[in-house]
Amino acid sequence: MGVRFLFYLCCLGVILTTPAYAHHDDLHSILEDDFRSAEAKSRDRYRHPYETLTFFGLRPDMTVVELWPGGGWYSTIIAPYMDAENGGQLIAAHFNPDTEHEFADFFRNSLRAFELKVEADPDWFKHVQVKPFEPPATEPVAAAGSVDLVLSFRNIHNWMDDGSFNDVIRAVRRMLKPGGVFGVVEHRAKIDQEIDLTASNGYVNQQWLIRRVEAAGFQLVAESPINANLKDTGDYPNGVWTLPPNLRVPEGEDPQKYLDIGESDRFTLKFVKLGR
């Protein structure tokens, strides 16, 4: 429901007691809703949002943290699913506007674009809190032991690259409740490739990540082939960003070759926090 229309109704003395998109009780209806753009929906076949979110155990009464949501592709799906009356909320742990990161300008622009997206549609994004996340520089995005589910979609390689991986995993463990879930989707490196601890091509060794996360106080309880793509060979000139949606295709090559491959091969892992 647009802002102008709300203003018009208020002028007529109409009292709106329930926002149009206060809460959807069905993920399928959110995925099919016209609020989502055709471009966003076109990526469902690669990202499998319904299967992925149900695999992680998403429920509308949860406190959910999405780490570095970028443009909000997943936030747009999760936000209207949150049921505030039963305690549901989404915390978008986004970029730190005061960062000194080498990509500071990009981070600030991305954060602002996300904030504008939320502000433009306050009904759809009603239950979203946007907070900066760059541990240990920023304050915790949630109280210790208060979060049911933390989600990371294709971000692990970024934290490996900038050296913040350990800080991020510690922050995730701190905010989760005992038995809380850490759900990870990441570009999968081929098993026979040498492990790159900086993930310079965007691909992460799955077994390396499992060992590191479990060593930090988690247990892997399930893995899924939901987001696998056997066409992805993982050996492109411009790394994973050669594939869509980035399509950084080498000069002289046909982009269709990479469009035919589709988005990257990804592992989908479900961890639970051990102990208190």
Protein backbone atom coordinates (compact mmCIF):
# COMPACT_ATOMS: atom_id res chain seq x y z
CA MET A 1 0.00 0.00 0.00
CA GLY A 2 1.66 3.25 -1.15
CA VAL A 3 2.30 6.28 1.04
CA ARG A 4 0.07 8.52 -1.10
CA PHE A 5 -2.83 6.09 -0.81
CA LEU A 6 -2.41 5.91 2.97
CA PHE A 7 -2.46 9.71 3.13
CA TYR A 8 -5.62 9.80 1.01
CA LEU A 9 -7.41 7.35 3.28
CA CYS A 10 -6.36 9.23 6.38
CA CYS A 11 -7.75 12.43 4.92
CA LEU A 12 -11.09 10.65 4.53
CA GLY A 13 -10.98 9.70 8.17
CA VAL A 14 -10.38 6.01 7.52
CA ILE A 15 -8.61 4.25 10.38
CA LEU A 16 -6.22 1.56 9.26
CA THR A 17 -5.74 -0.96 12.02
CA THR A 18 -3.71 -3.58 10.12
CA PRO A 19 -0.96 -2.84 7.59
CA ALA A 20 -1.48 -4.56 4.26
CA TYR A 21 1.65 -6.65 4.61
CA ALA A 22 1.85 -6.97 8.39
CA HIS A 23 2.37 -10.71 8.21
CA HIS A 24 2.17 -13.47 5.62
CA ASP A 25 1.70 -16.89 7.16
CA ASP A 26 2.89 -18.72 4.04
CA LEU A 27 6.26 -18.47 2.32
CA HIS A 28 4.78 -19.55 -1.00
CA SER A 29 2.46 -16.53 -1.04
CA ILE A 30 5.40 -14.21 -0.38
CA LEU A 31 7.45 -15.72 -3.18
CA GLU A 32 4.56 -15.34 -5.61
CA ASP A 33 3.56 -11.83 -4.50
CA ASP A 34 3.79 -9.06 -7.08
CA PHE A 35 5.81 -7.02 -4.58
CA ARG A 36 8.82 -9.09 -5.61
CA SER A 37 10.23 -7.97 -8.95
CA ALA A 38 10.40 -10.23 -11.99
CA GLU A 39 14.20 -10.00 -11.78
CA ALA A 40 14.19 -11.20 -8.17
CA LYS A 41 11.83 -14.06 -8.98
CA SER A 42 14.00 -15.13 -11.91
CA ARG A 43 16.73 -16.06 -9.43
CA ASP A 44 14.52 -18.41 -7.42
CA ARG A 45 15.52 -21.32 -9.67
CA TYR A 46 19.13 -20.89 -8.54
CA ARG A 47 18.58 -19.91 -4.92
CA HIS A 48 15.59 -22.11 -4.01
CA PRO A 49 14.43 -19.78 -1.25
CA TYR A 50 11.49 -21.87 -0.03
CA GLU A 51 13.51 -25.06 0.26
CA THR A 52 16.50 -23.23 1.75
CA LEU A 53 14.59 -21.35 4.44
CA THR A 54 12.54 -24.36 5.46
CA PHE A 55 15.74 -26.44 5.61
CA PHE A 56 17.13 -23.94 8.10
CA GLY A 57 13.91 -24.21 10.11
CA LEU A 58 12.66 -20.65 9.69
CA ARG A 59 9.48 -19.94 11.68
CA PRO A 60 7.51 -16.67 11.86
CA ASP A 61 7.88 -16.42 15.66
CA MET A 62 11.70 -16.45 15.56
CA THR A 63 14.25 -13.73 16.13
CA VAL A 64 16.29 -13.94 12.93
CA VAL A 65 19.55 -12.20 12.04
CA GLU A 66 20.59 -11.99 8.39
CA LEU A 67 24.26 -11.09 8.09
CA TRP A 68 25.25 -8.56 5.44
CA PRO A 69 21.99 -8.76 3.45
CA GLY A 70 23.33 -6.59 0.62
CA GLY A 71 20.45 -5.51 -1.60
CA GLY A 72 17.93 -7.43 0.48
CA TRP A 73 17.02 -10.28 -1.84
CA TYR A 74 16.43 -12.65 1.07
CA SER A 75 15.29 -9.92 3.48
CA THR A 76 12.39 -9.16 1.14
CA ILE A 77 11.20 -12.75 1.57
CA ILE A 78 11.83 -13.11 5.29
CA ALA A 79 10.49 -9.73 6.49
CA PRO A 80 6.75 -10.22 5.82
CA TYR A 81 6.96 -13.77 7.21
CA MET A 82 7.83 -12.47 10.67
CA ASP A 83 4.93 -12.51 13.13
CA ALA A 84 5.57 -9.69 15.60
CA GLU A 85 2.57 -10.58 17.74
CA ASN A 86 4.32 -13.85 18.58
CA GLY A 87 7.80 -12.39 18.94
CA GLY A 88 9.00 -12.66 15.34
CA GLN A 89 11.50 -10.12 14.03
CA LEU A 90 14.27 -9.78 11.46
CA ILE A 91 17.52 -8.01 12.27
CA ALA A 92 19.37 -6.97 9.13
CA ALA A 93 23.00 -6.95 10.30
CA HIS A 94 24.24 -4.75 7.48
CA PHE A 95 27.45 -2.93 6.62
CA ASN A 96 29.00 -0.51 9.08
CA PRO A 97 28.67 3.08 7.78
CA ASP A 98 31.72 4.10 9.83
CA THR A 99 33.93 1.33 8.52
CA GLU A 100 37.53 1.80 7.49
CA HIS A 101 37.32 -1.19 5.17
CA GLU A 102 38.94 -0.89 1.75
CA PHE A 103 35.46 -1.07 0.21
CA ALA A 104 34.03 1.56 2.57
CA ASP A 105 32.33 3.59 -0.16
CA PHE A 106 30.64 0.51 -1.59
CA PHE A 107 29.51 -0.56 1.89
CA ARG A 108 28.01 2.84 2.69
CA ASN A 109 26.20 3.05 -0.63
CA SER A 110 24.86 -0.48 -0.27
CA LEU A 111 23.66 0.19 3.28
CA ARG A 112 21.93 3.39 2.25
CA ALA A 113 20.21 1.68 -0.68
CA PHE A 114 18.95 -1.02 1.68
CA GLU A 115 17.70 1.56 4.19
CA LEU A 116 15.85 3.42 1.43
CA LYS A 117 14.28 0.16 0.30
CA VAL A 118 12.99 -0.49 3.80
CA GLU A 119 11.80 3.08 4.26
CA ALA A 120 9.96 3.08 0.93
CA ASP A 121 7.73 0.15 1.92
CA PRO A 122 7.24 0.27 5.71
CA ASP A 123 4.37 -2.22 5.60
CA TRP A 124 6.29 -4.96 3.83
CA PHE A 125 9.42 -4.38 5.94
CA LYS A 126 7.48 -3.68 9.13
CA HIS A 127 9.43 -6.09 11.32
CA VAL A 128 12.96 -5.26 10.16
CA GLN A 129 15.63 -3.62 12.29
CA VAL A 130 18.75 -2.45 10.43
CA LYS A 131 21.95 -2.51 12.50
CA PRO A 132 25.65 -2.19 11.59
CA PHE A 133 27.68 -5.40 11.77
CA GLU A 134 31.46 -5.34 11.70
CA PRO A 135 32.73 -7.12 14.80
CA PRO A 136 34.51 -6.14 16.95
CA ALA A 137 34.23 -2.50 15.79
CA THR A 138 30.42 -2.36 16.14
CA GLU A 139 28.14 -3.07 19.08
CA PRO A 140 26.43 -6.50 19.10
CA VAL A 141 23.32 -6.51 16.91
CA ALA A 142 21.42 -8.57 19.51
CA ALA A 143 21.74 -9.46 23.16
CA ALA A 144 23.76 -12.54 24.05
CA GLY A 145 21.70 -15.72 23.77
CA SER A 146 18.65 -13.98 22.27
CA VAL A 147 18.62 -15.10 18.62
CA ASP A 148 17.00 -18.25 17.19
CA LEU A 149 18.48 -18.23 13.70
CA VAL A 150 21.46 -16.51 12.06
CA LEU A 151 21.70 -16.65 8.27
CA SER A 152 24.67 -16.05 5.98
CA PHE A 153 24.10 -16.11 2.23
CA ARG A 154 27.36 -16.07 0.22
CA ASN A 155 29.31 -13.95 2.69
CA ILE A 156 31.88 -16.30 4.20
CA HIS A 157 34.37 -15.60 1.39
CA ASN A 158 34.21 -11.88 2.18
CA TRP A 159 35.17 -12.42 5.82
CA MET A 160 37.94 -14.81 4.84
CA ASP A 161 39.28 -12.20 2.44
CA ASP A 162 39.31 -9.29 4.92
CA GLY A 163 40.50 -11.36 7.89
CA SER A 164 37.35 -10.96 10.00
CA PHE A 165 36.13 -14.56 9.80
CA ASN A 166 36.99 -15.46 13.42
CA ASP A 167 35.38 -12.28 14.78
CA VAL A 168 32.20 -12.97 12.81
CA ILE A 169 31.87 -16.56 14.01
CA ARG A 170 32.40 -15.49 17.63
CA ALA A 171 29.72 -12.81 17.23
CA VAL A 172 27.31 -15.36 15.72
CA ARG A 173 27.84 -17.79 18.58
CA ARG A 174 27.40 -15.06 21.19
CA MET A 175 24.03 -13.89 19.86
CA LEU A 176 22.51 -17.35 19.37
CA LYS A 177 20.46 -19.15 21.99
CA PRO A 178 21.76 -22.55 23.11
CA GLY A 179 20.73 -24.88 20.29
CA GLY A 180 20.17 -21.91 17.98
CA VAL A 181 20.83 -22.40 14.27
CA PHE A 182 23.54 -20.91 12.07
CA GLY A 183 22.54 -21.39 8.43
CA VAL A 184 25.19 -20.97 5.74
CA VAL A 185 24.99 -20.88 1.96
CA GLU A 186 28.31 -20.34 0.18
CA HIS A 187 30.05 -20.79 -3.17
CA ARG A 188 31.63 -24.27 -3.07
CA ALA A 189 35.26 -24.79 -4.10
CA LYS A 190 36.06 -28.03 -5.90
CA ILE A 191 37.36 -30.67 -3.53
CA ASP A 192 40.57 -31.18 -5.49
CA GLN A 193 41.47 -27.49 -5.50
CA GLU A 194 44.07 -26.21 -3.07
CA ILE A 195 42.45 -24.52 -0.07
CA ASP A 196 42.66 -20.74 -0.42
CA LEU A 197 42.38 -19.19 3.06
CA THR A 198 41.49 -15.83 1.53
CA ALA A 199 38.89 -17.26 -0.89
CA SER A 200 40.27 -14.89 -3.51
CA ASN A 201 38.12 -16.39 -6.28
CA GLY A 202 34.98 -16.36 -4.13
CA TYR A 203 34.87 -20.13 -3.61
CA VAL A 204 35.19 -21.73 -0.16
CA ASN A 205 36.29 -25.26 0.71
CA GLN A 206 33.31 -26.88 2.39
CA GLN A 207 35.21 -29.24 4.70
CA TRP A 208 37.56 -26.46 5.82
CA LEU A 209 34.57 -24.30 6.77
CA ILE A 210 32.87 -27.13 8.67
CA ARG A 211 36.03 -27.75 10.71
CA ARG A 212 36.43 -24.07 11.54
CA VAL A 213 32.83 -23.49 12.55
CA GLU A 214 32.69 -26.66 14.65
CA ALA A 215 35.94 -25.67 16.37
CA ALA A 216 34.22 -22.41 17.35
CA GLY A 217 31.51 -24.21 19.33
CA PHE A 218 28.99 -25.43 16.78
CA GLN A 219 27.91 -28.79 15.43
CA LEU A 220 26.98 -29.51 11.83
CA VAL A 221 23.57 -31.21 12.01
CA ALA A 222 22.55 -31.27 8.35
CA GLU A 223 23.72 -30.43 4.85
CA SER A 224 21.64 -30.19 1.71
CA PRO A 225 22.20 -30.32 -2.06
CA ILE A 226 19.43 -27.74 -2.54
CA ASN A 227 21.73 -25.14 -4.08
CA ALA A 228 24.17 -27.41 -5.91
CA ASN A 229 25.03 -26.73 -9.56
CA LEU A 230 27.12 -29.43 -11.22
CA LYS A 231 27.68 -27.24 -14.29
CA ASP A 232 29.88 -24.90 -12.29
CA THR A 233 33.54 -25.83 -12.77
CA GLY A 234 34.81 -23.09 -10.45
CA ASP A 235 37.86 -22.21 -12.58
CA TYR A 236 36.95 -18.93 -14.27
CA PRO A 237 39.26 -15.99 -15.06
CA ASN A 238 37.32 -13.62 -12.84
CA GLY A 239 36.39 -16.14 -10.17
CA VAL A 240 32.80 -16.79 -9.17
CA TRP A 241 31.91 -13.27 -10.34
CA THR A 242 32.29 -14.48 -13.94
CA LEU A 243 28.95 -16.25 -13.50
CA PRO A 244 25.57 -14.54 -13.23
CA PRO A 245 24.37 -12.34 -11.72
CA ASN A 246 27.69 -10.42 -11.89
CA LEU A 247 28.72 -11.70 -15.32
CA ARG A 248 32.25 -10.27 -15.30
CA VAL A 249 32.94 -12.03 -18.58
CA PRO A 250 36.47 -11.84 -20.02
CA GLU A 251 36.75 -9.60 -23.06
CA GLY A 252 35.95 -11.44 -26.26
CA GLU A 253 34.03 -14.28 -24.62
CA ASP A 254 30.33 -14.93 -25.12
CA PRO A 255 28.31 -14.19 -21.95
CA GLN A 256 25.82 -16.87 -23.00
CA LYS A 257 28.39 -19.51 -22.08
CA TYR A 258 28.17 -18.40 -18.46
CA LEU A 259 24.45 -17.76 -18.52
CA ASP A 260 24.04 -21.40 -19.58
CA ILE A 261 25.98 -22.47 -16.49
CA GLY A 262 23.83 -20.35 -14.21
CA GLU A 263 24.66 -19.17 -10.71
CA SER A 264 27.42 -20.87 -8.72
CA ASP A 265 27.53 -24.30 -7.13
CA ARG A 266 26.74 -23.72 -3.44
CA PHE A 267 26.82 -25.74 -0.27
CA THR A 268 23.99 -25.35 2.25
CA LEU A 269 24.92 -26.16 5.85
CA LYS A 270 22.94 -26.13 9.09
CA PHE A 271 24.90 -25.74 12.33
CA VAL A 272 23.62 -25.56 15.91
CA LYS A 273 25.27 -23.79 18.80
CA LEU A 274 26.65 -26.11 21.48
CA GLY A 275 26.69 -25.20 25.15
CA ARG A 276 25.58 -21.92 26.62
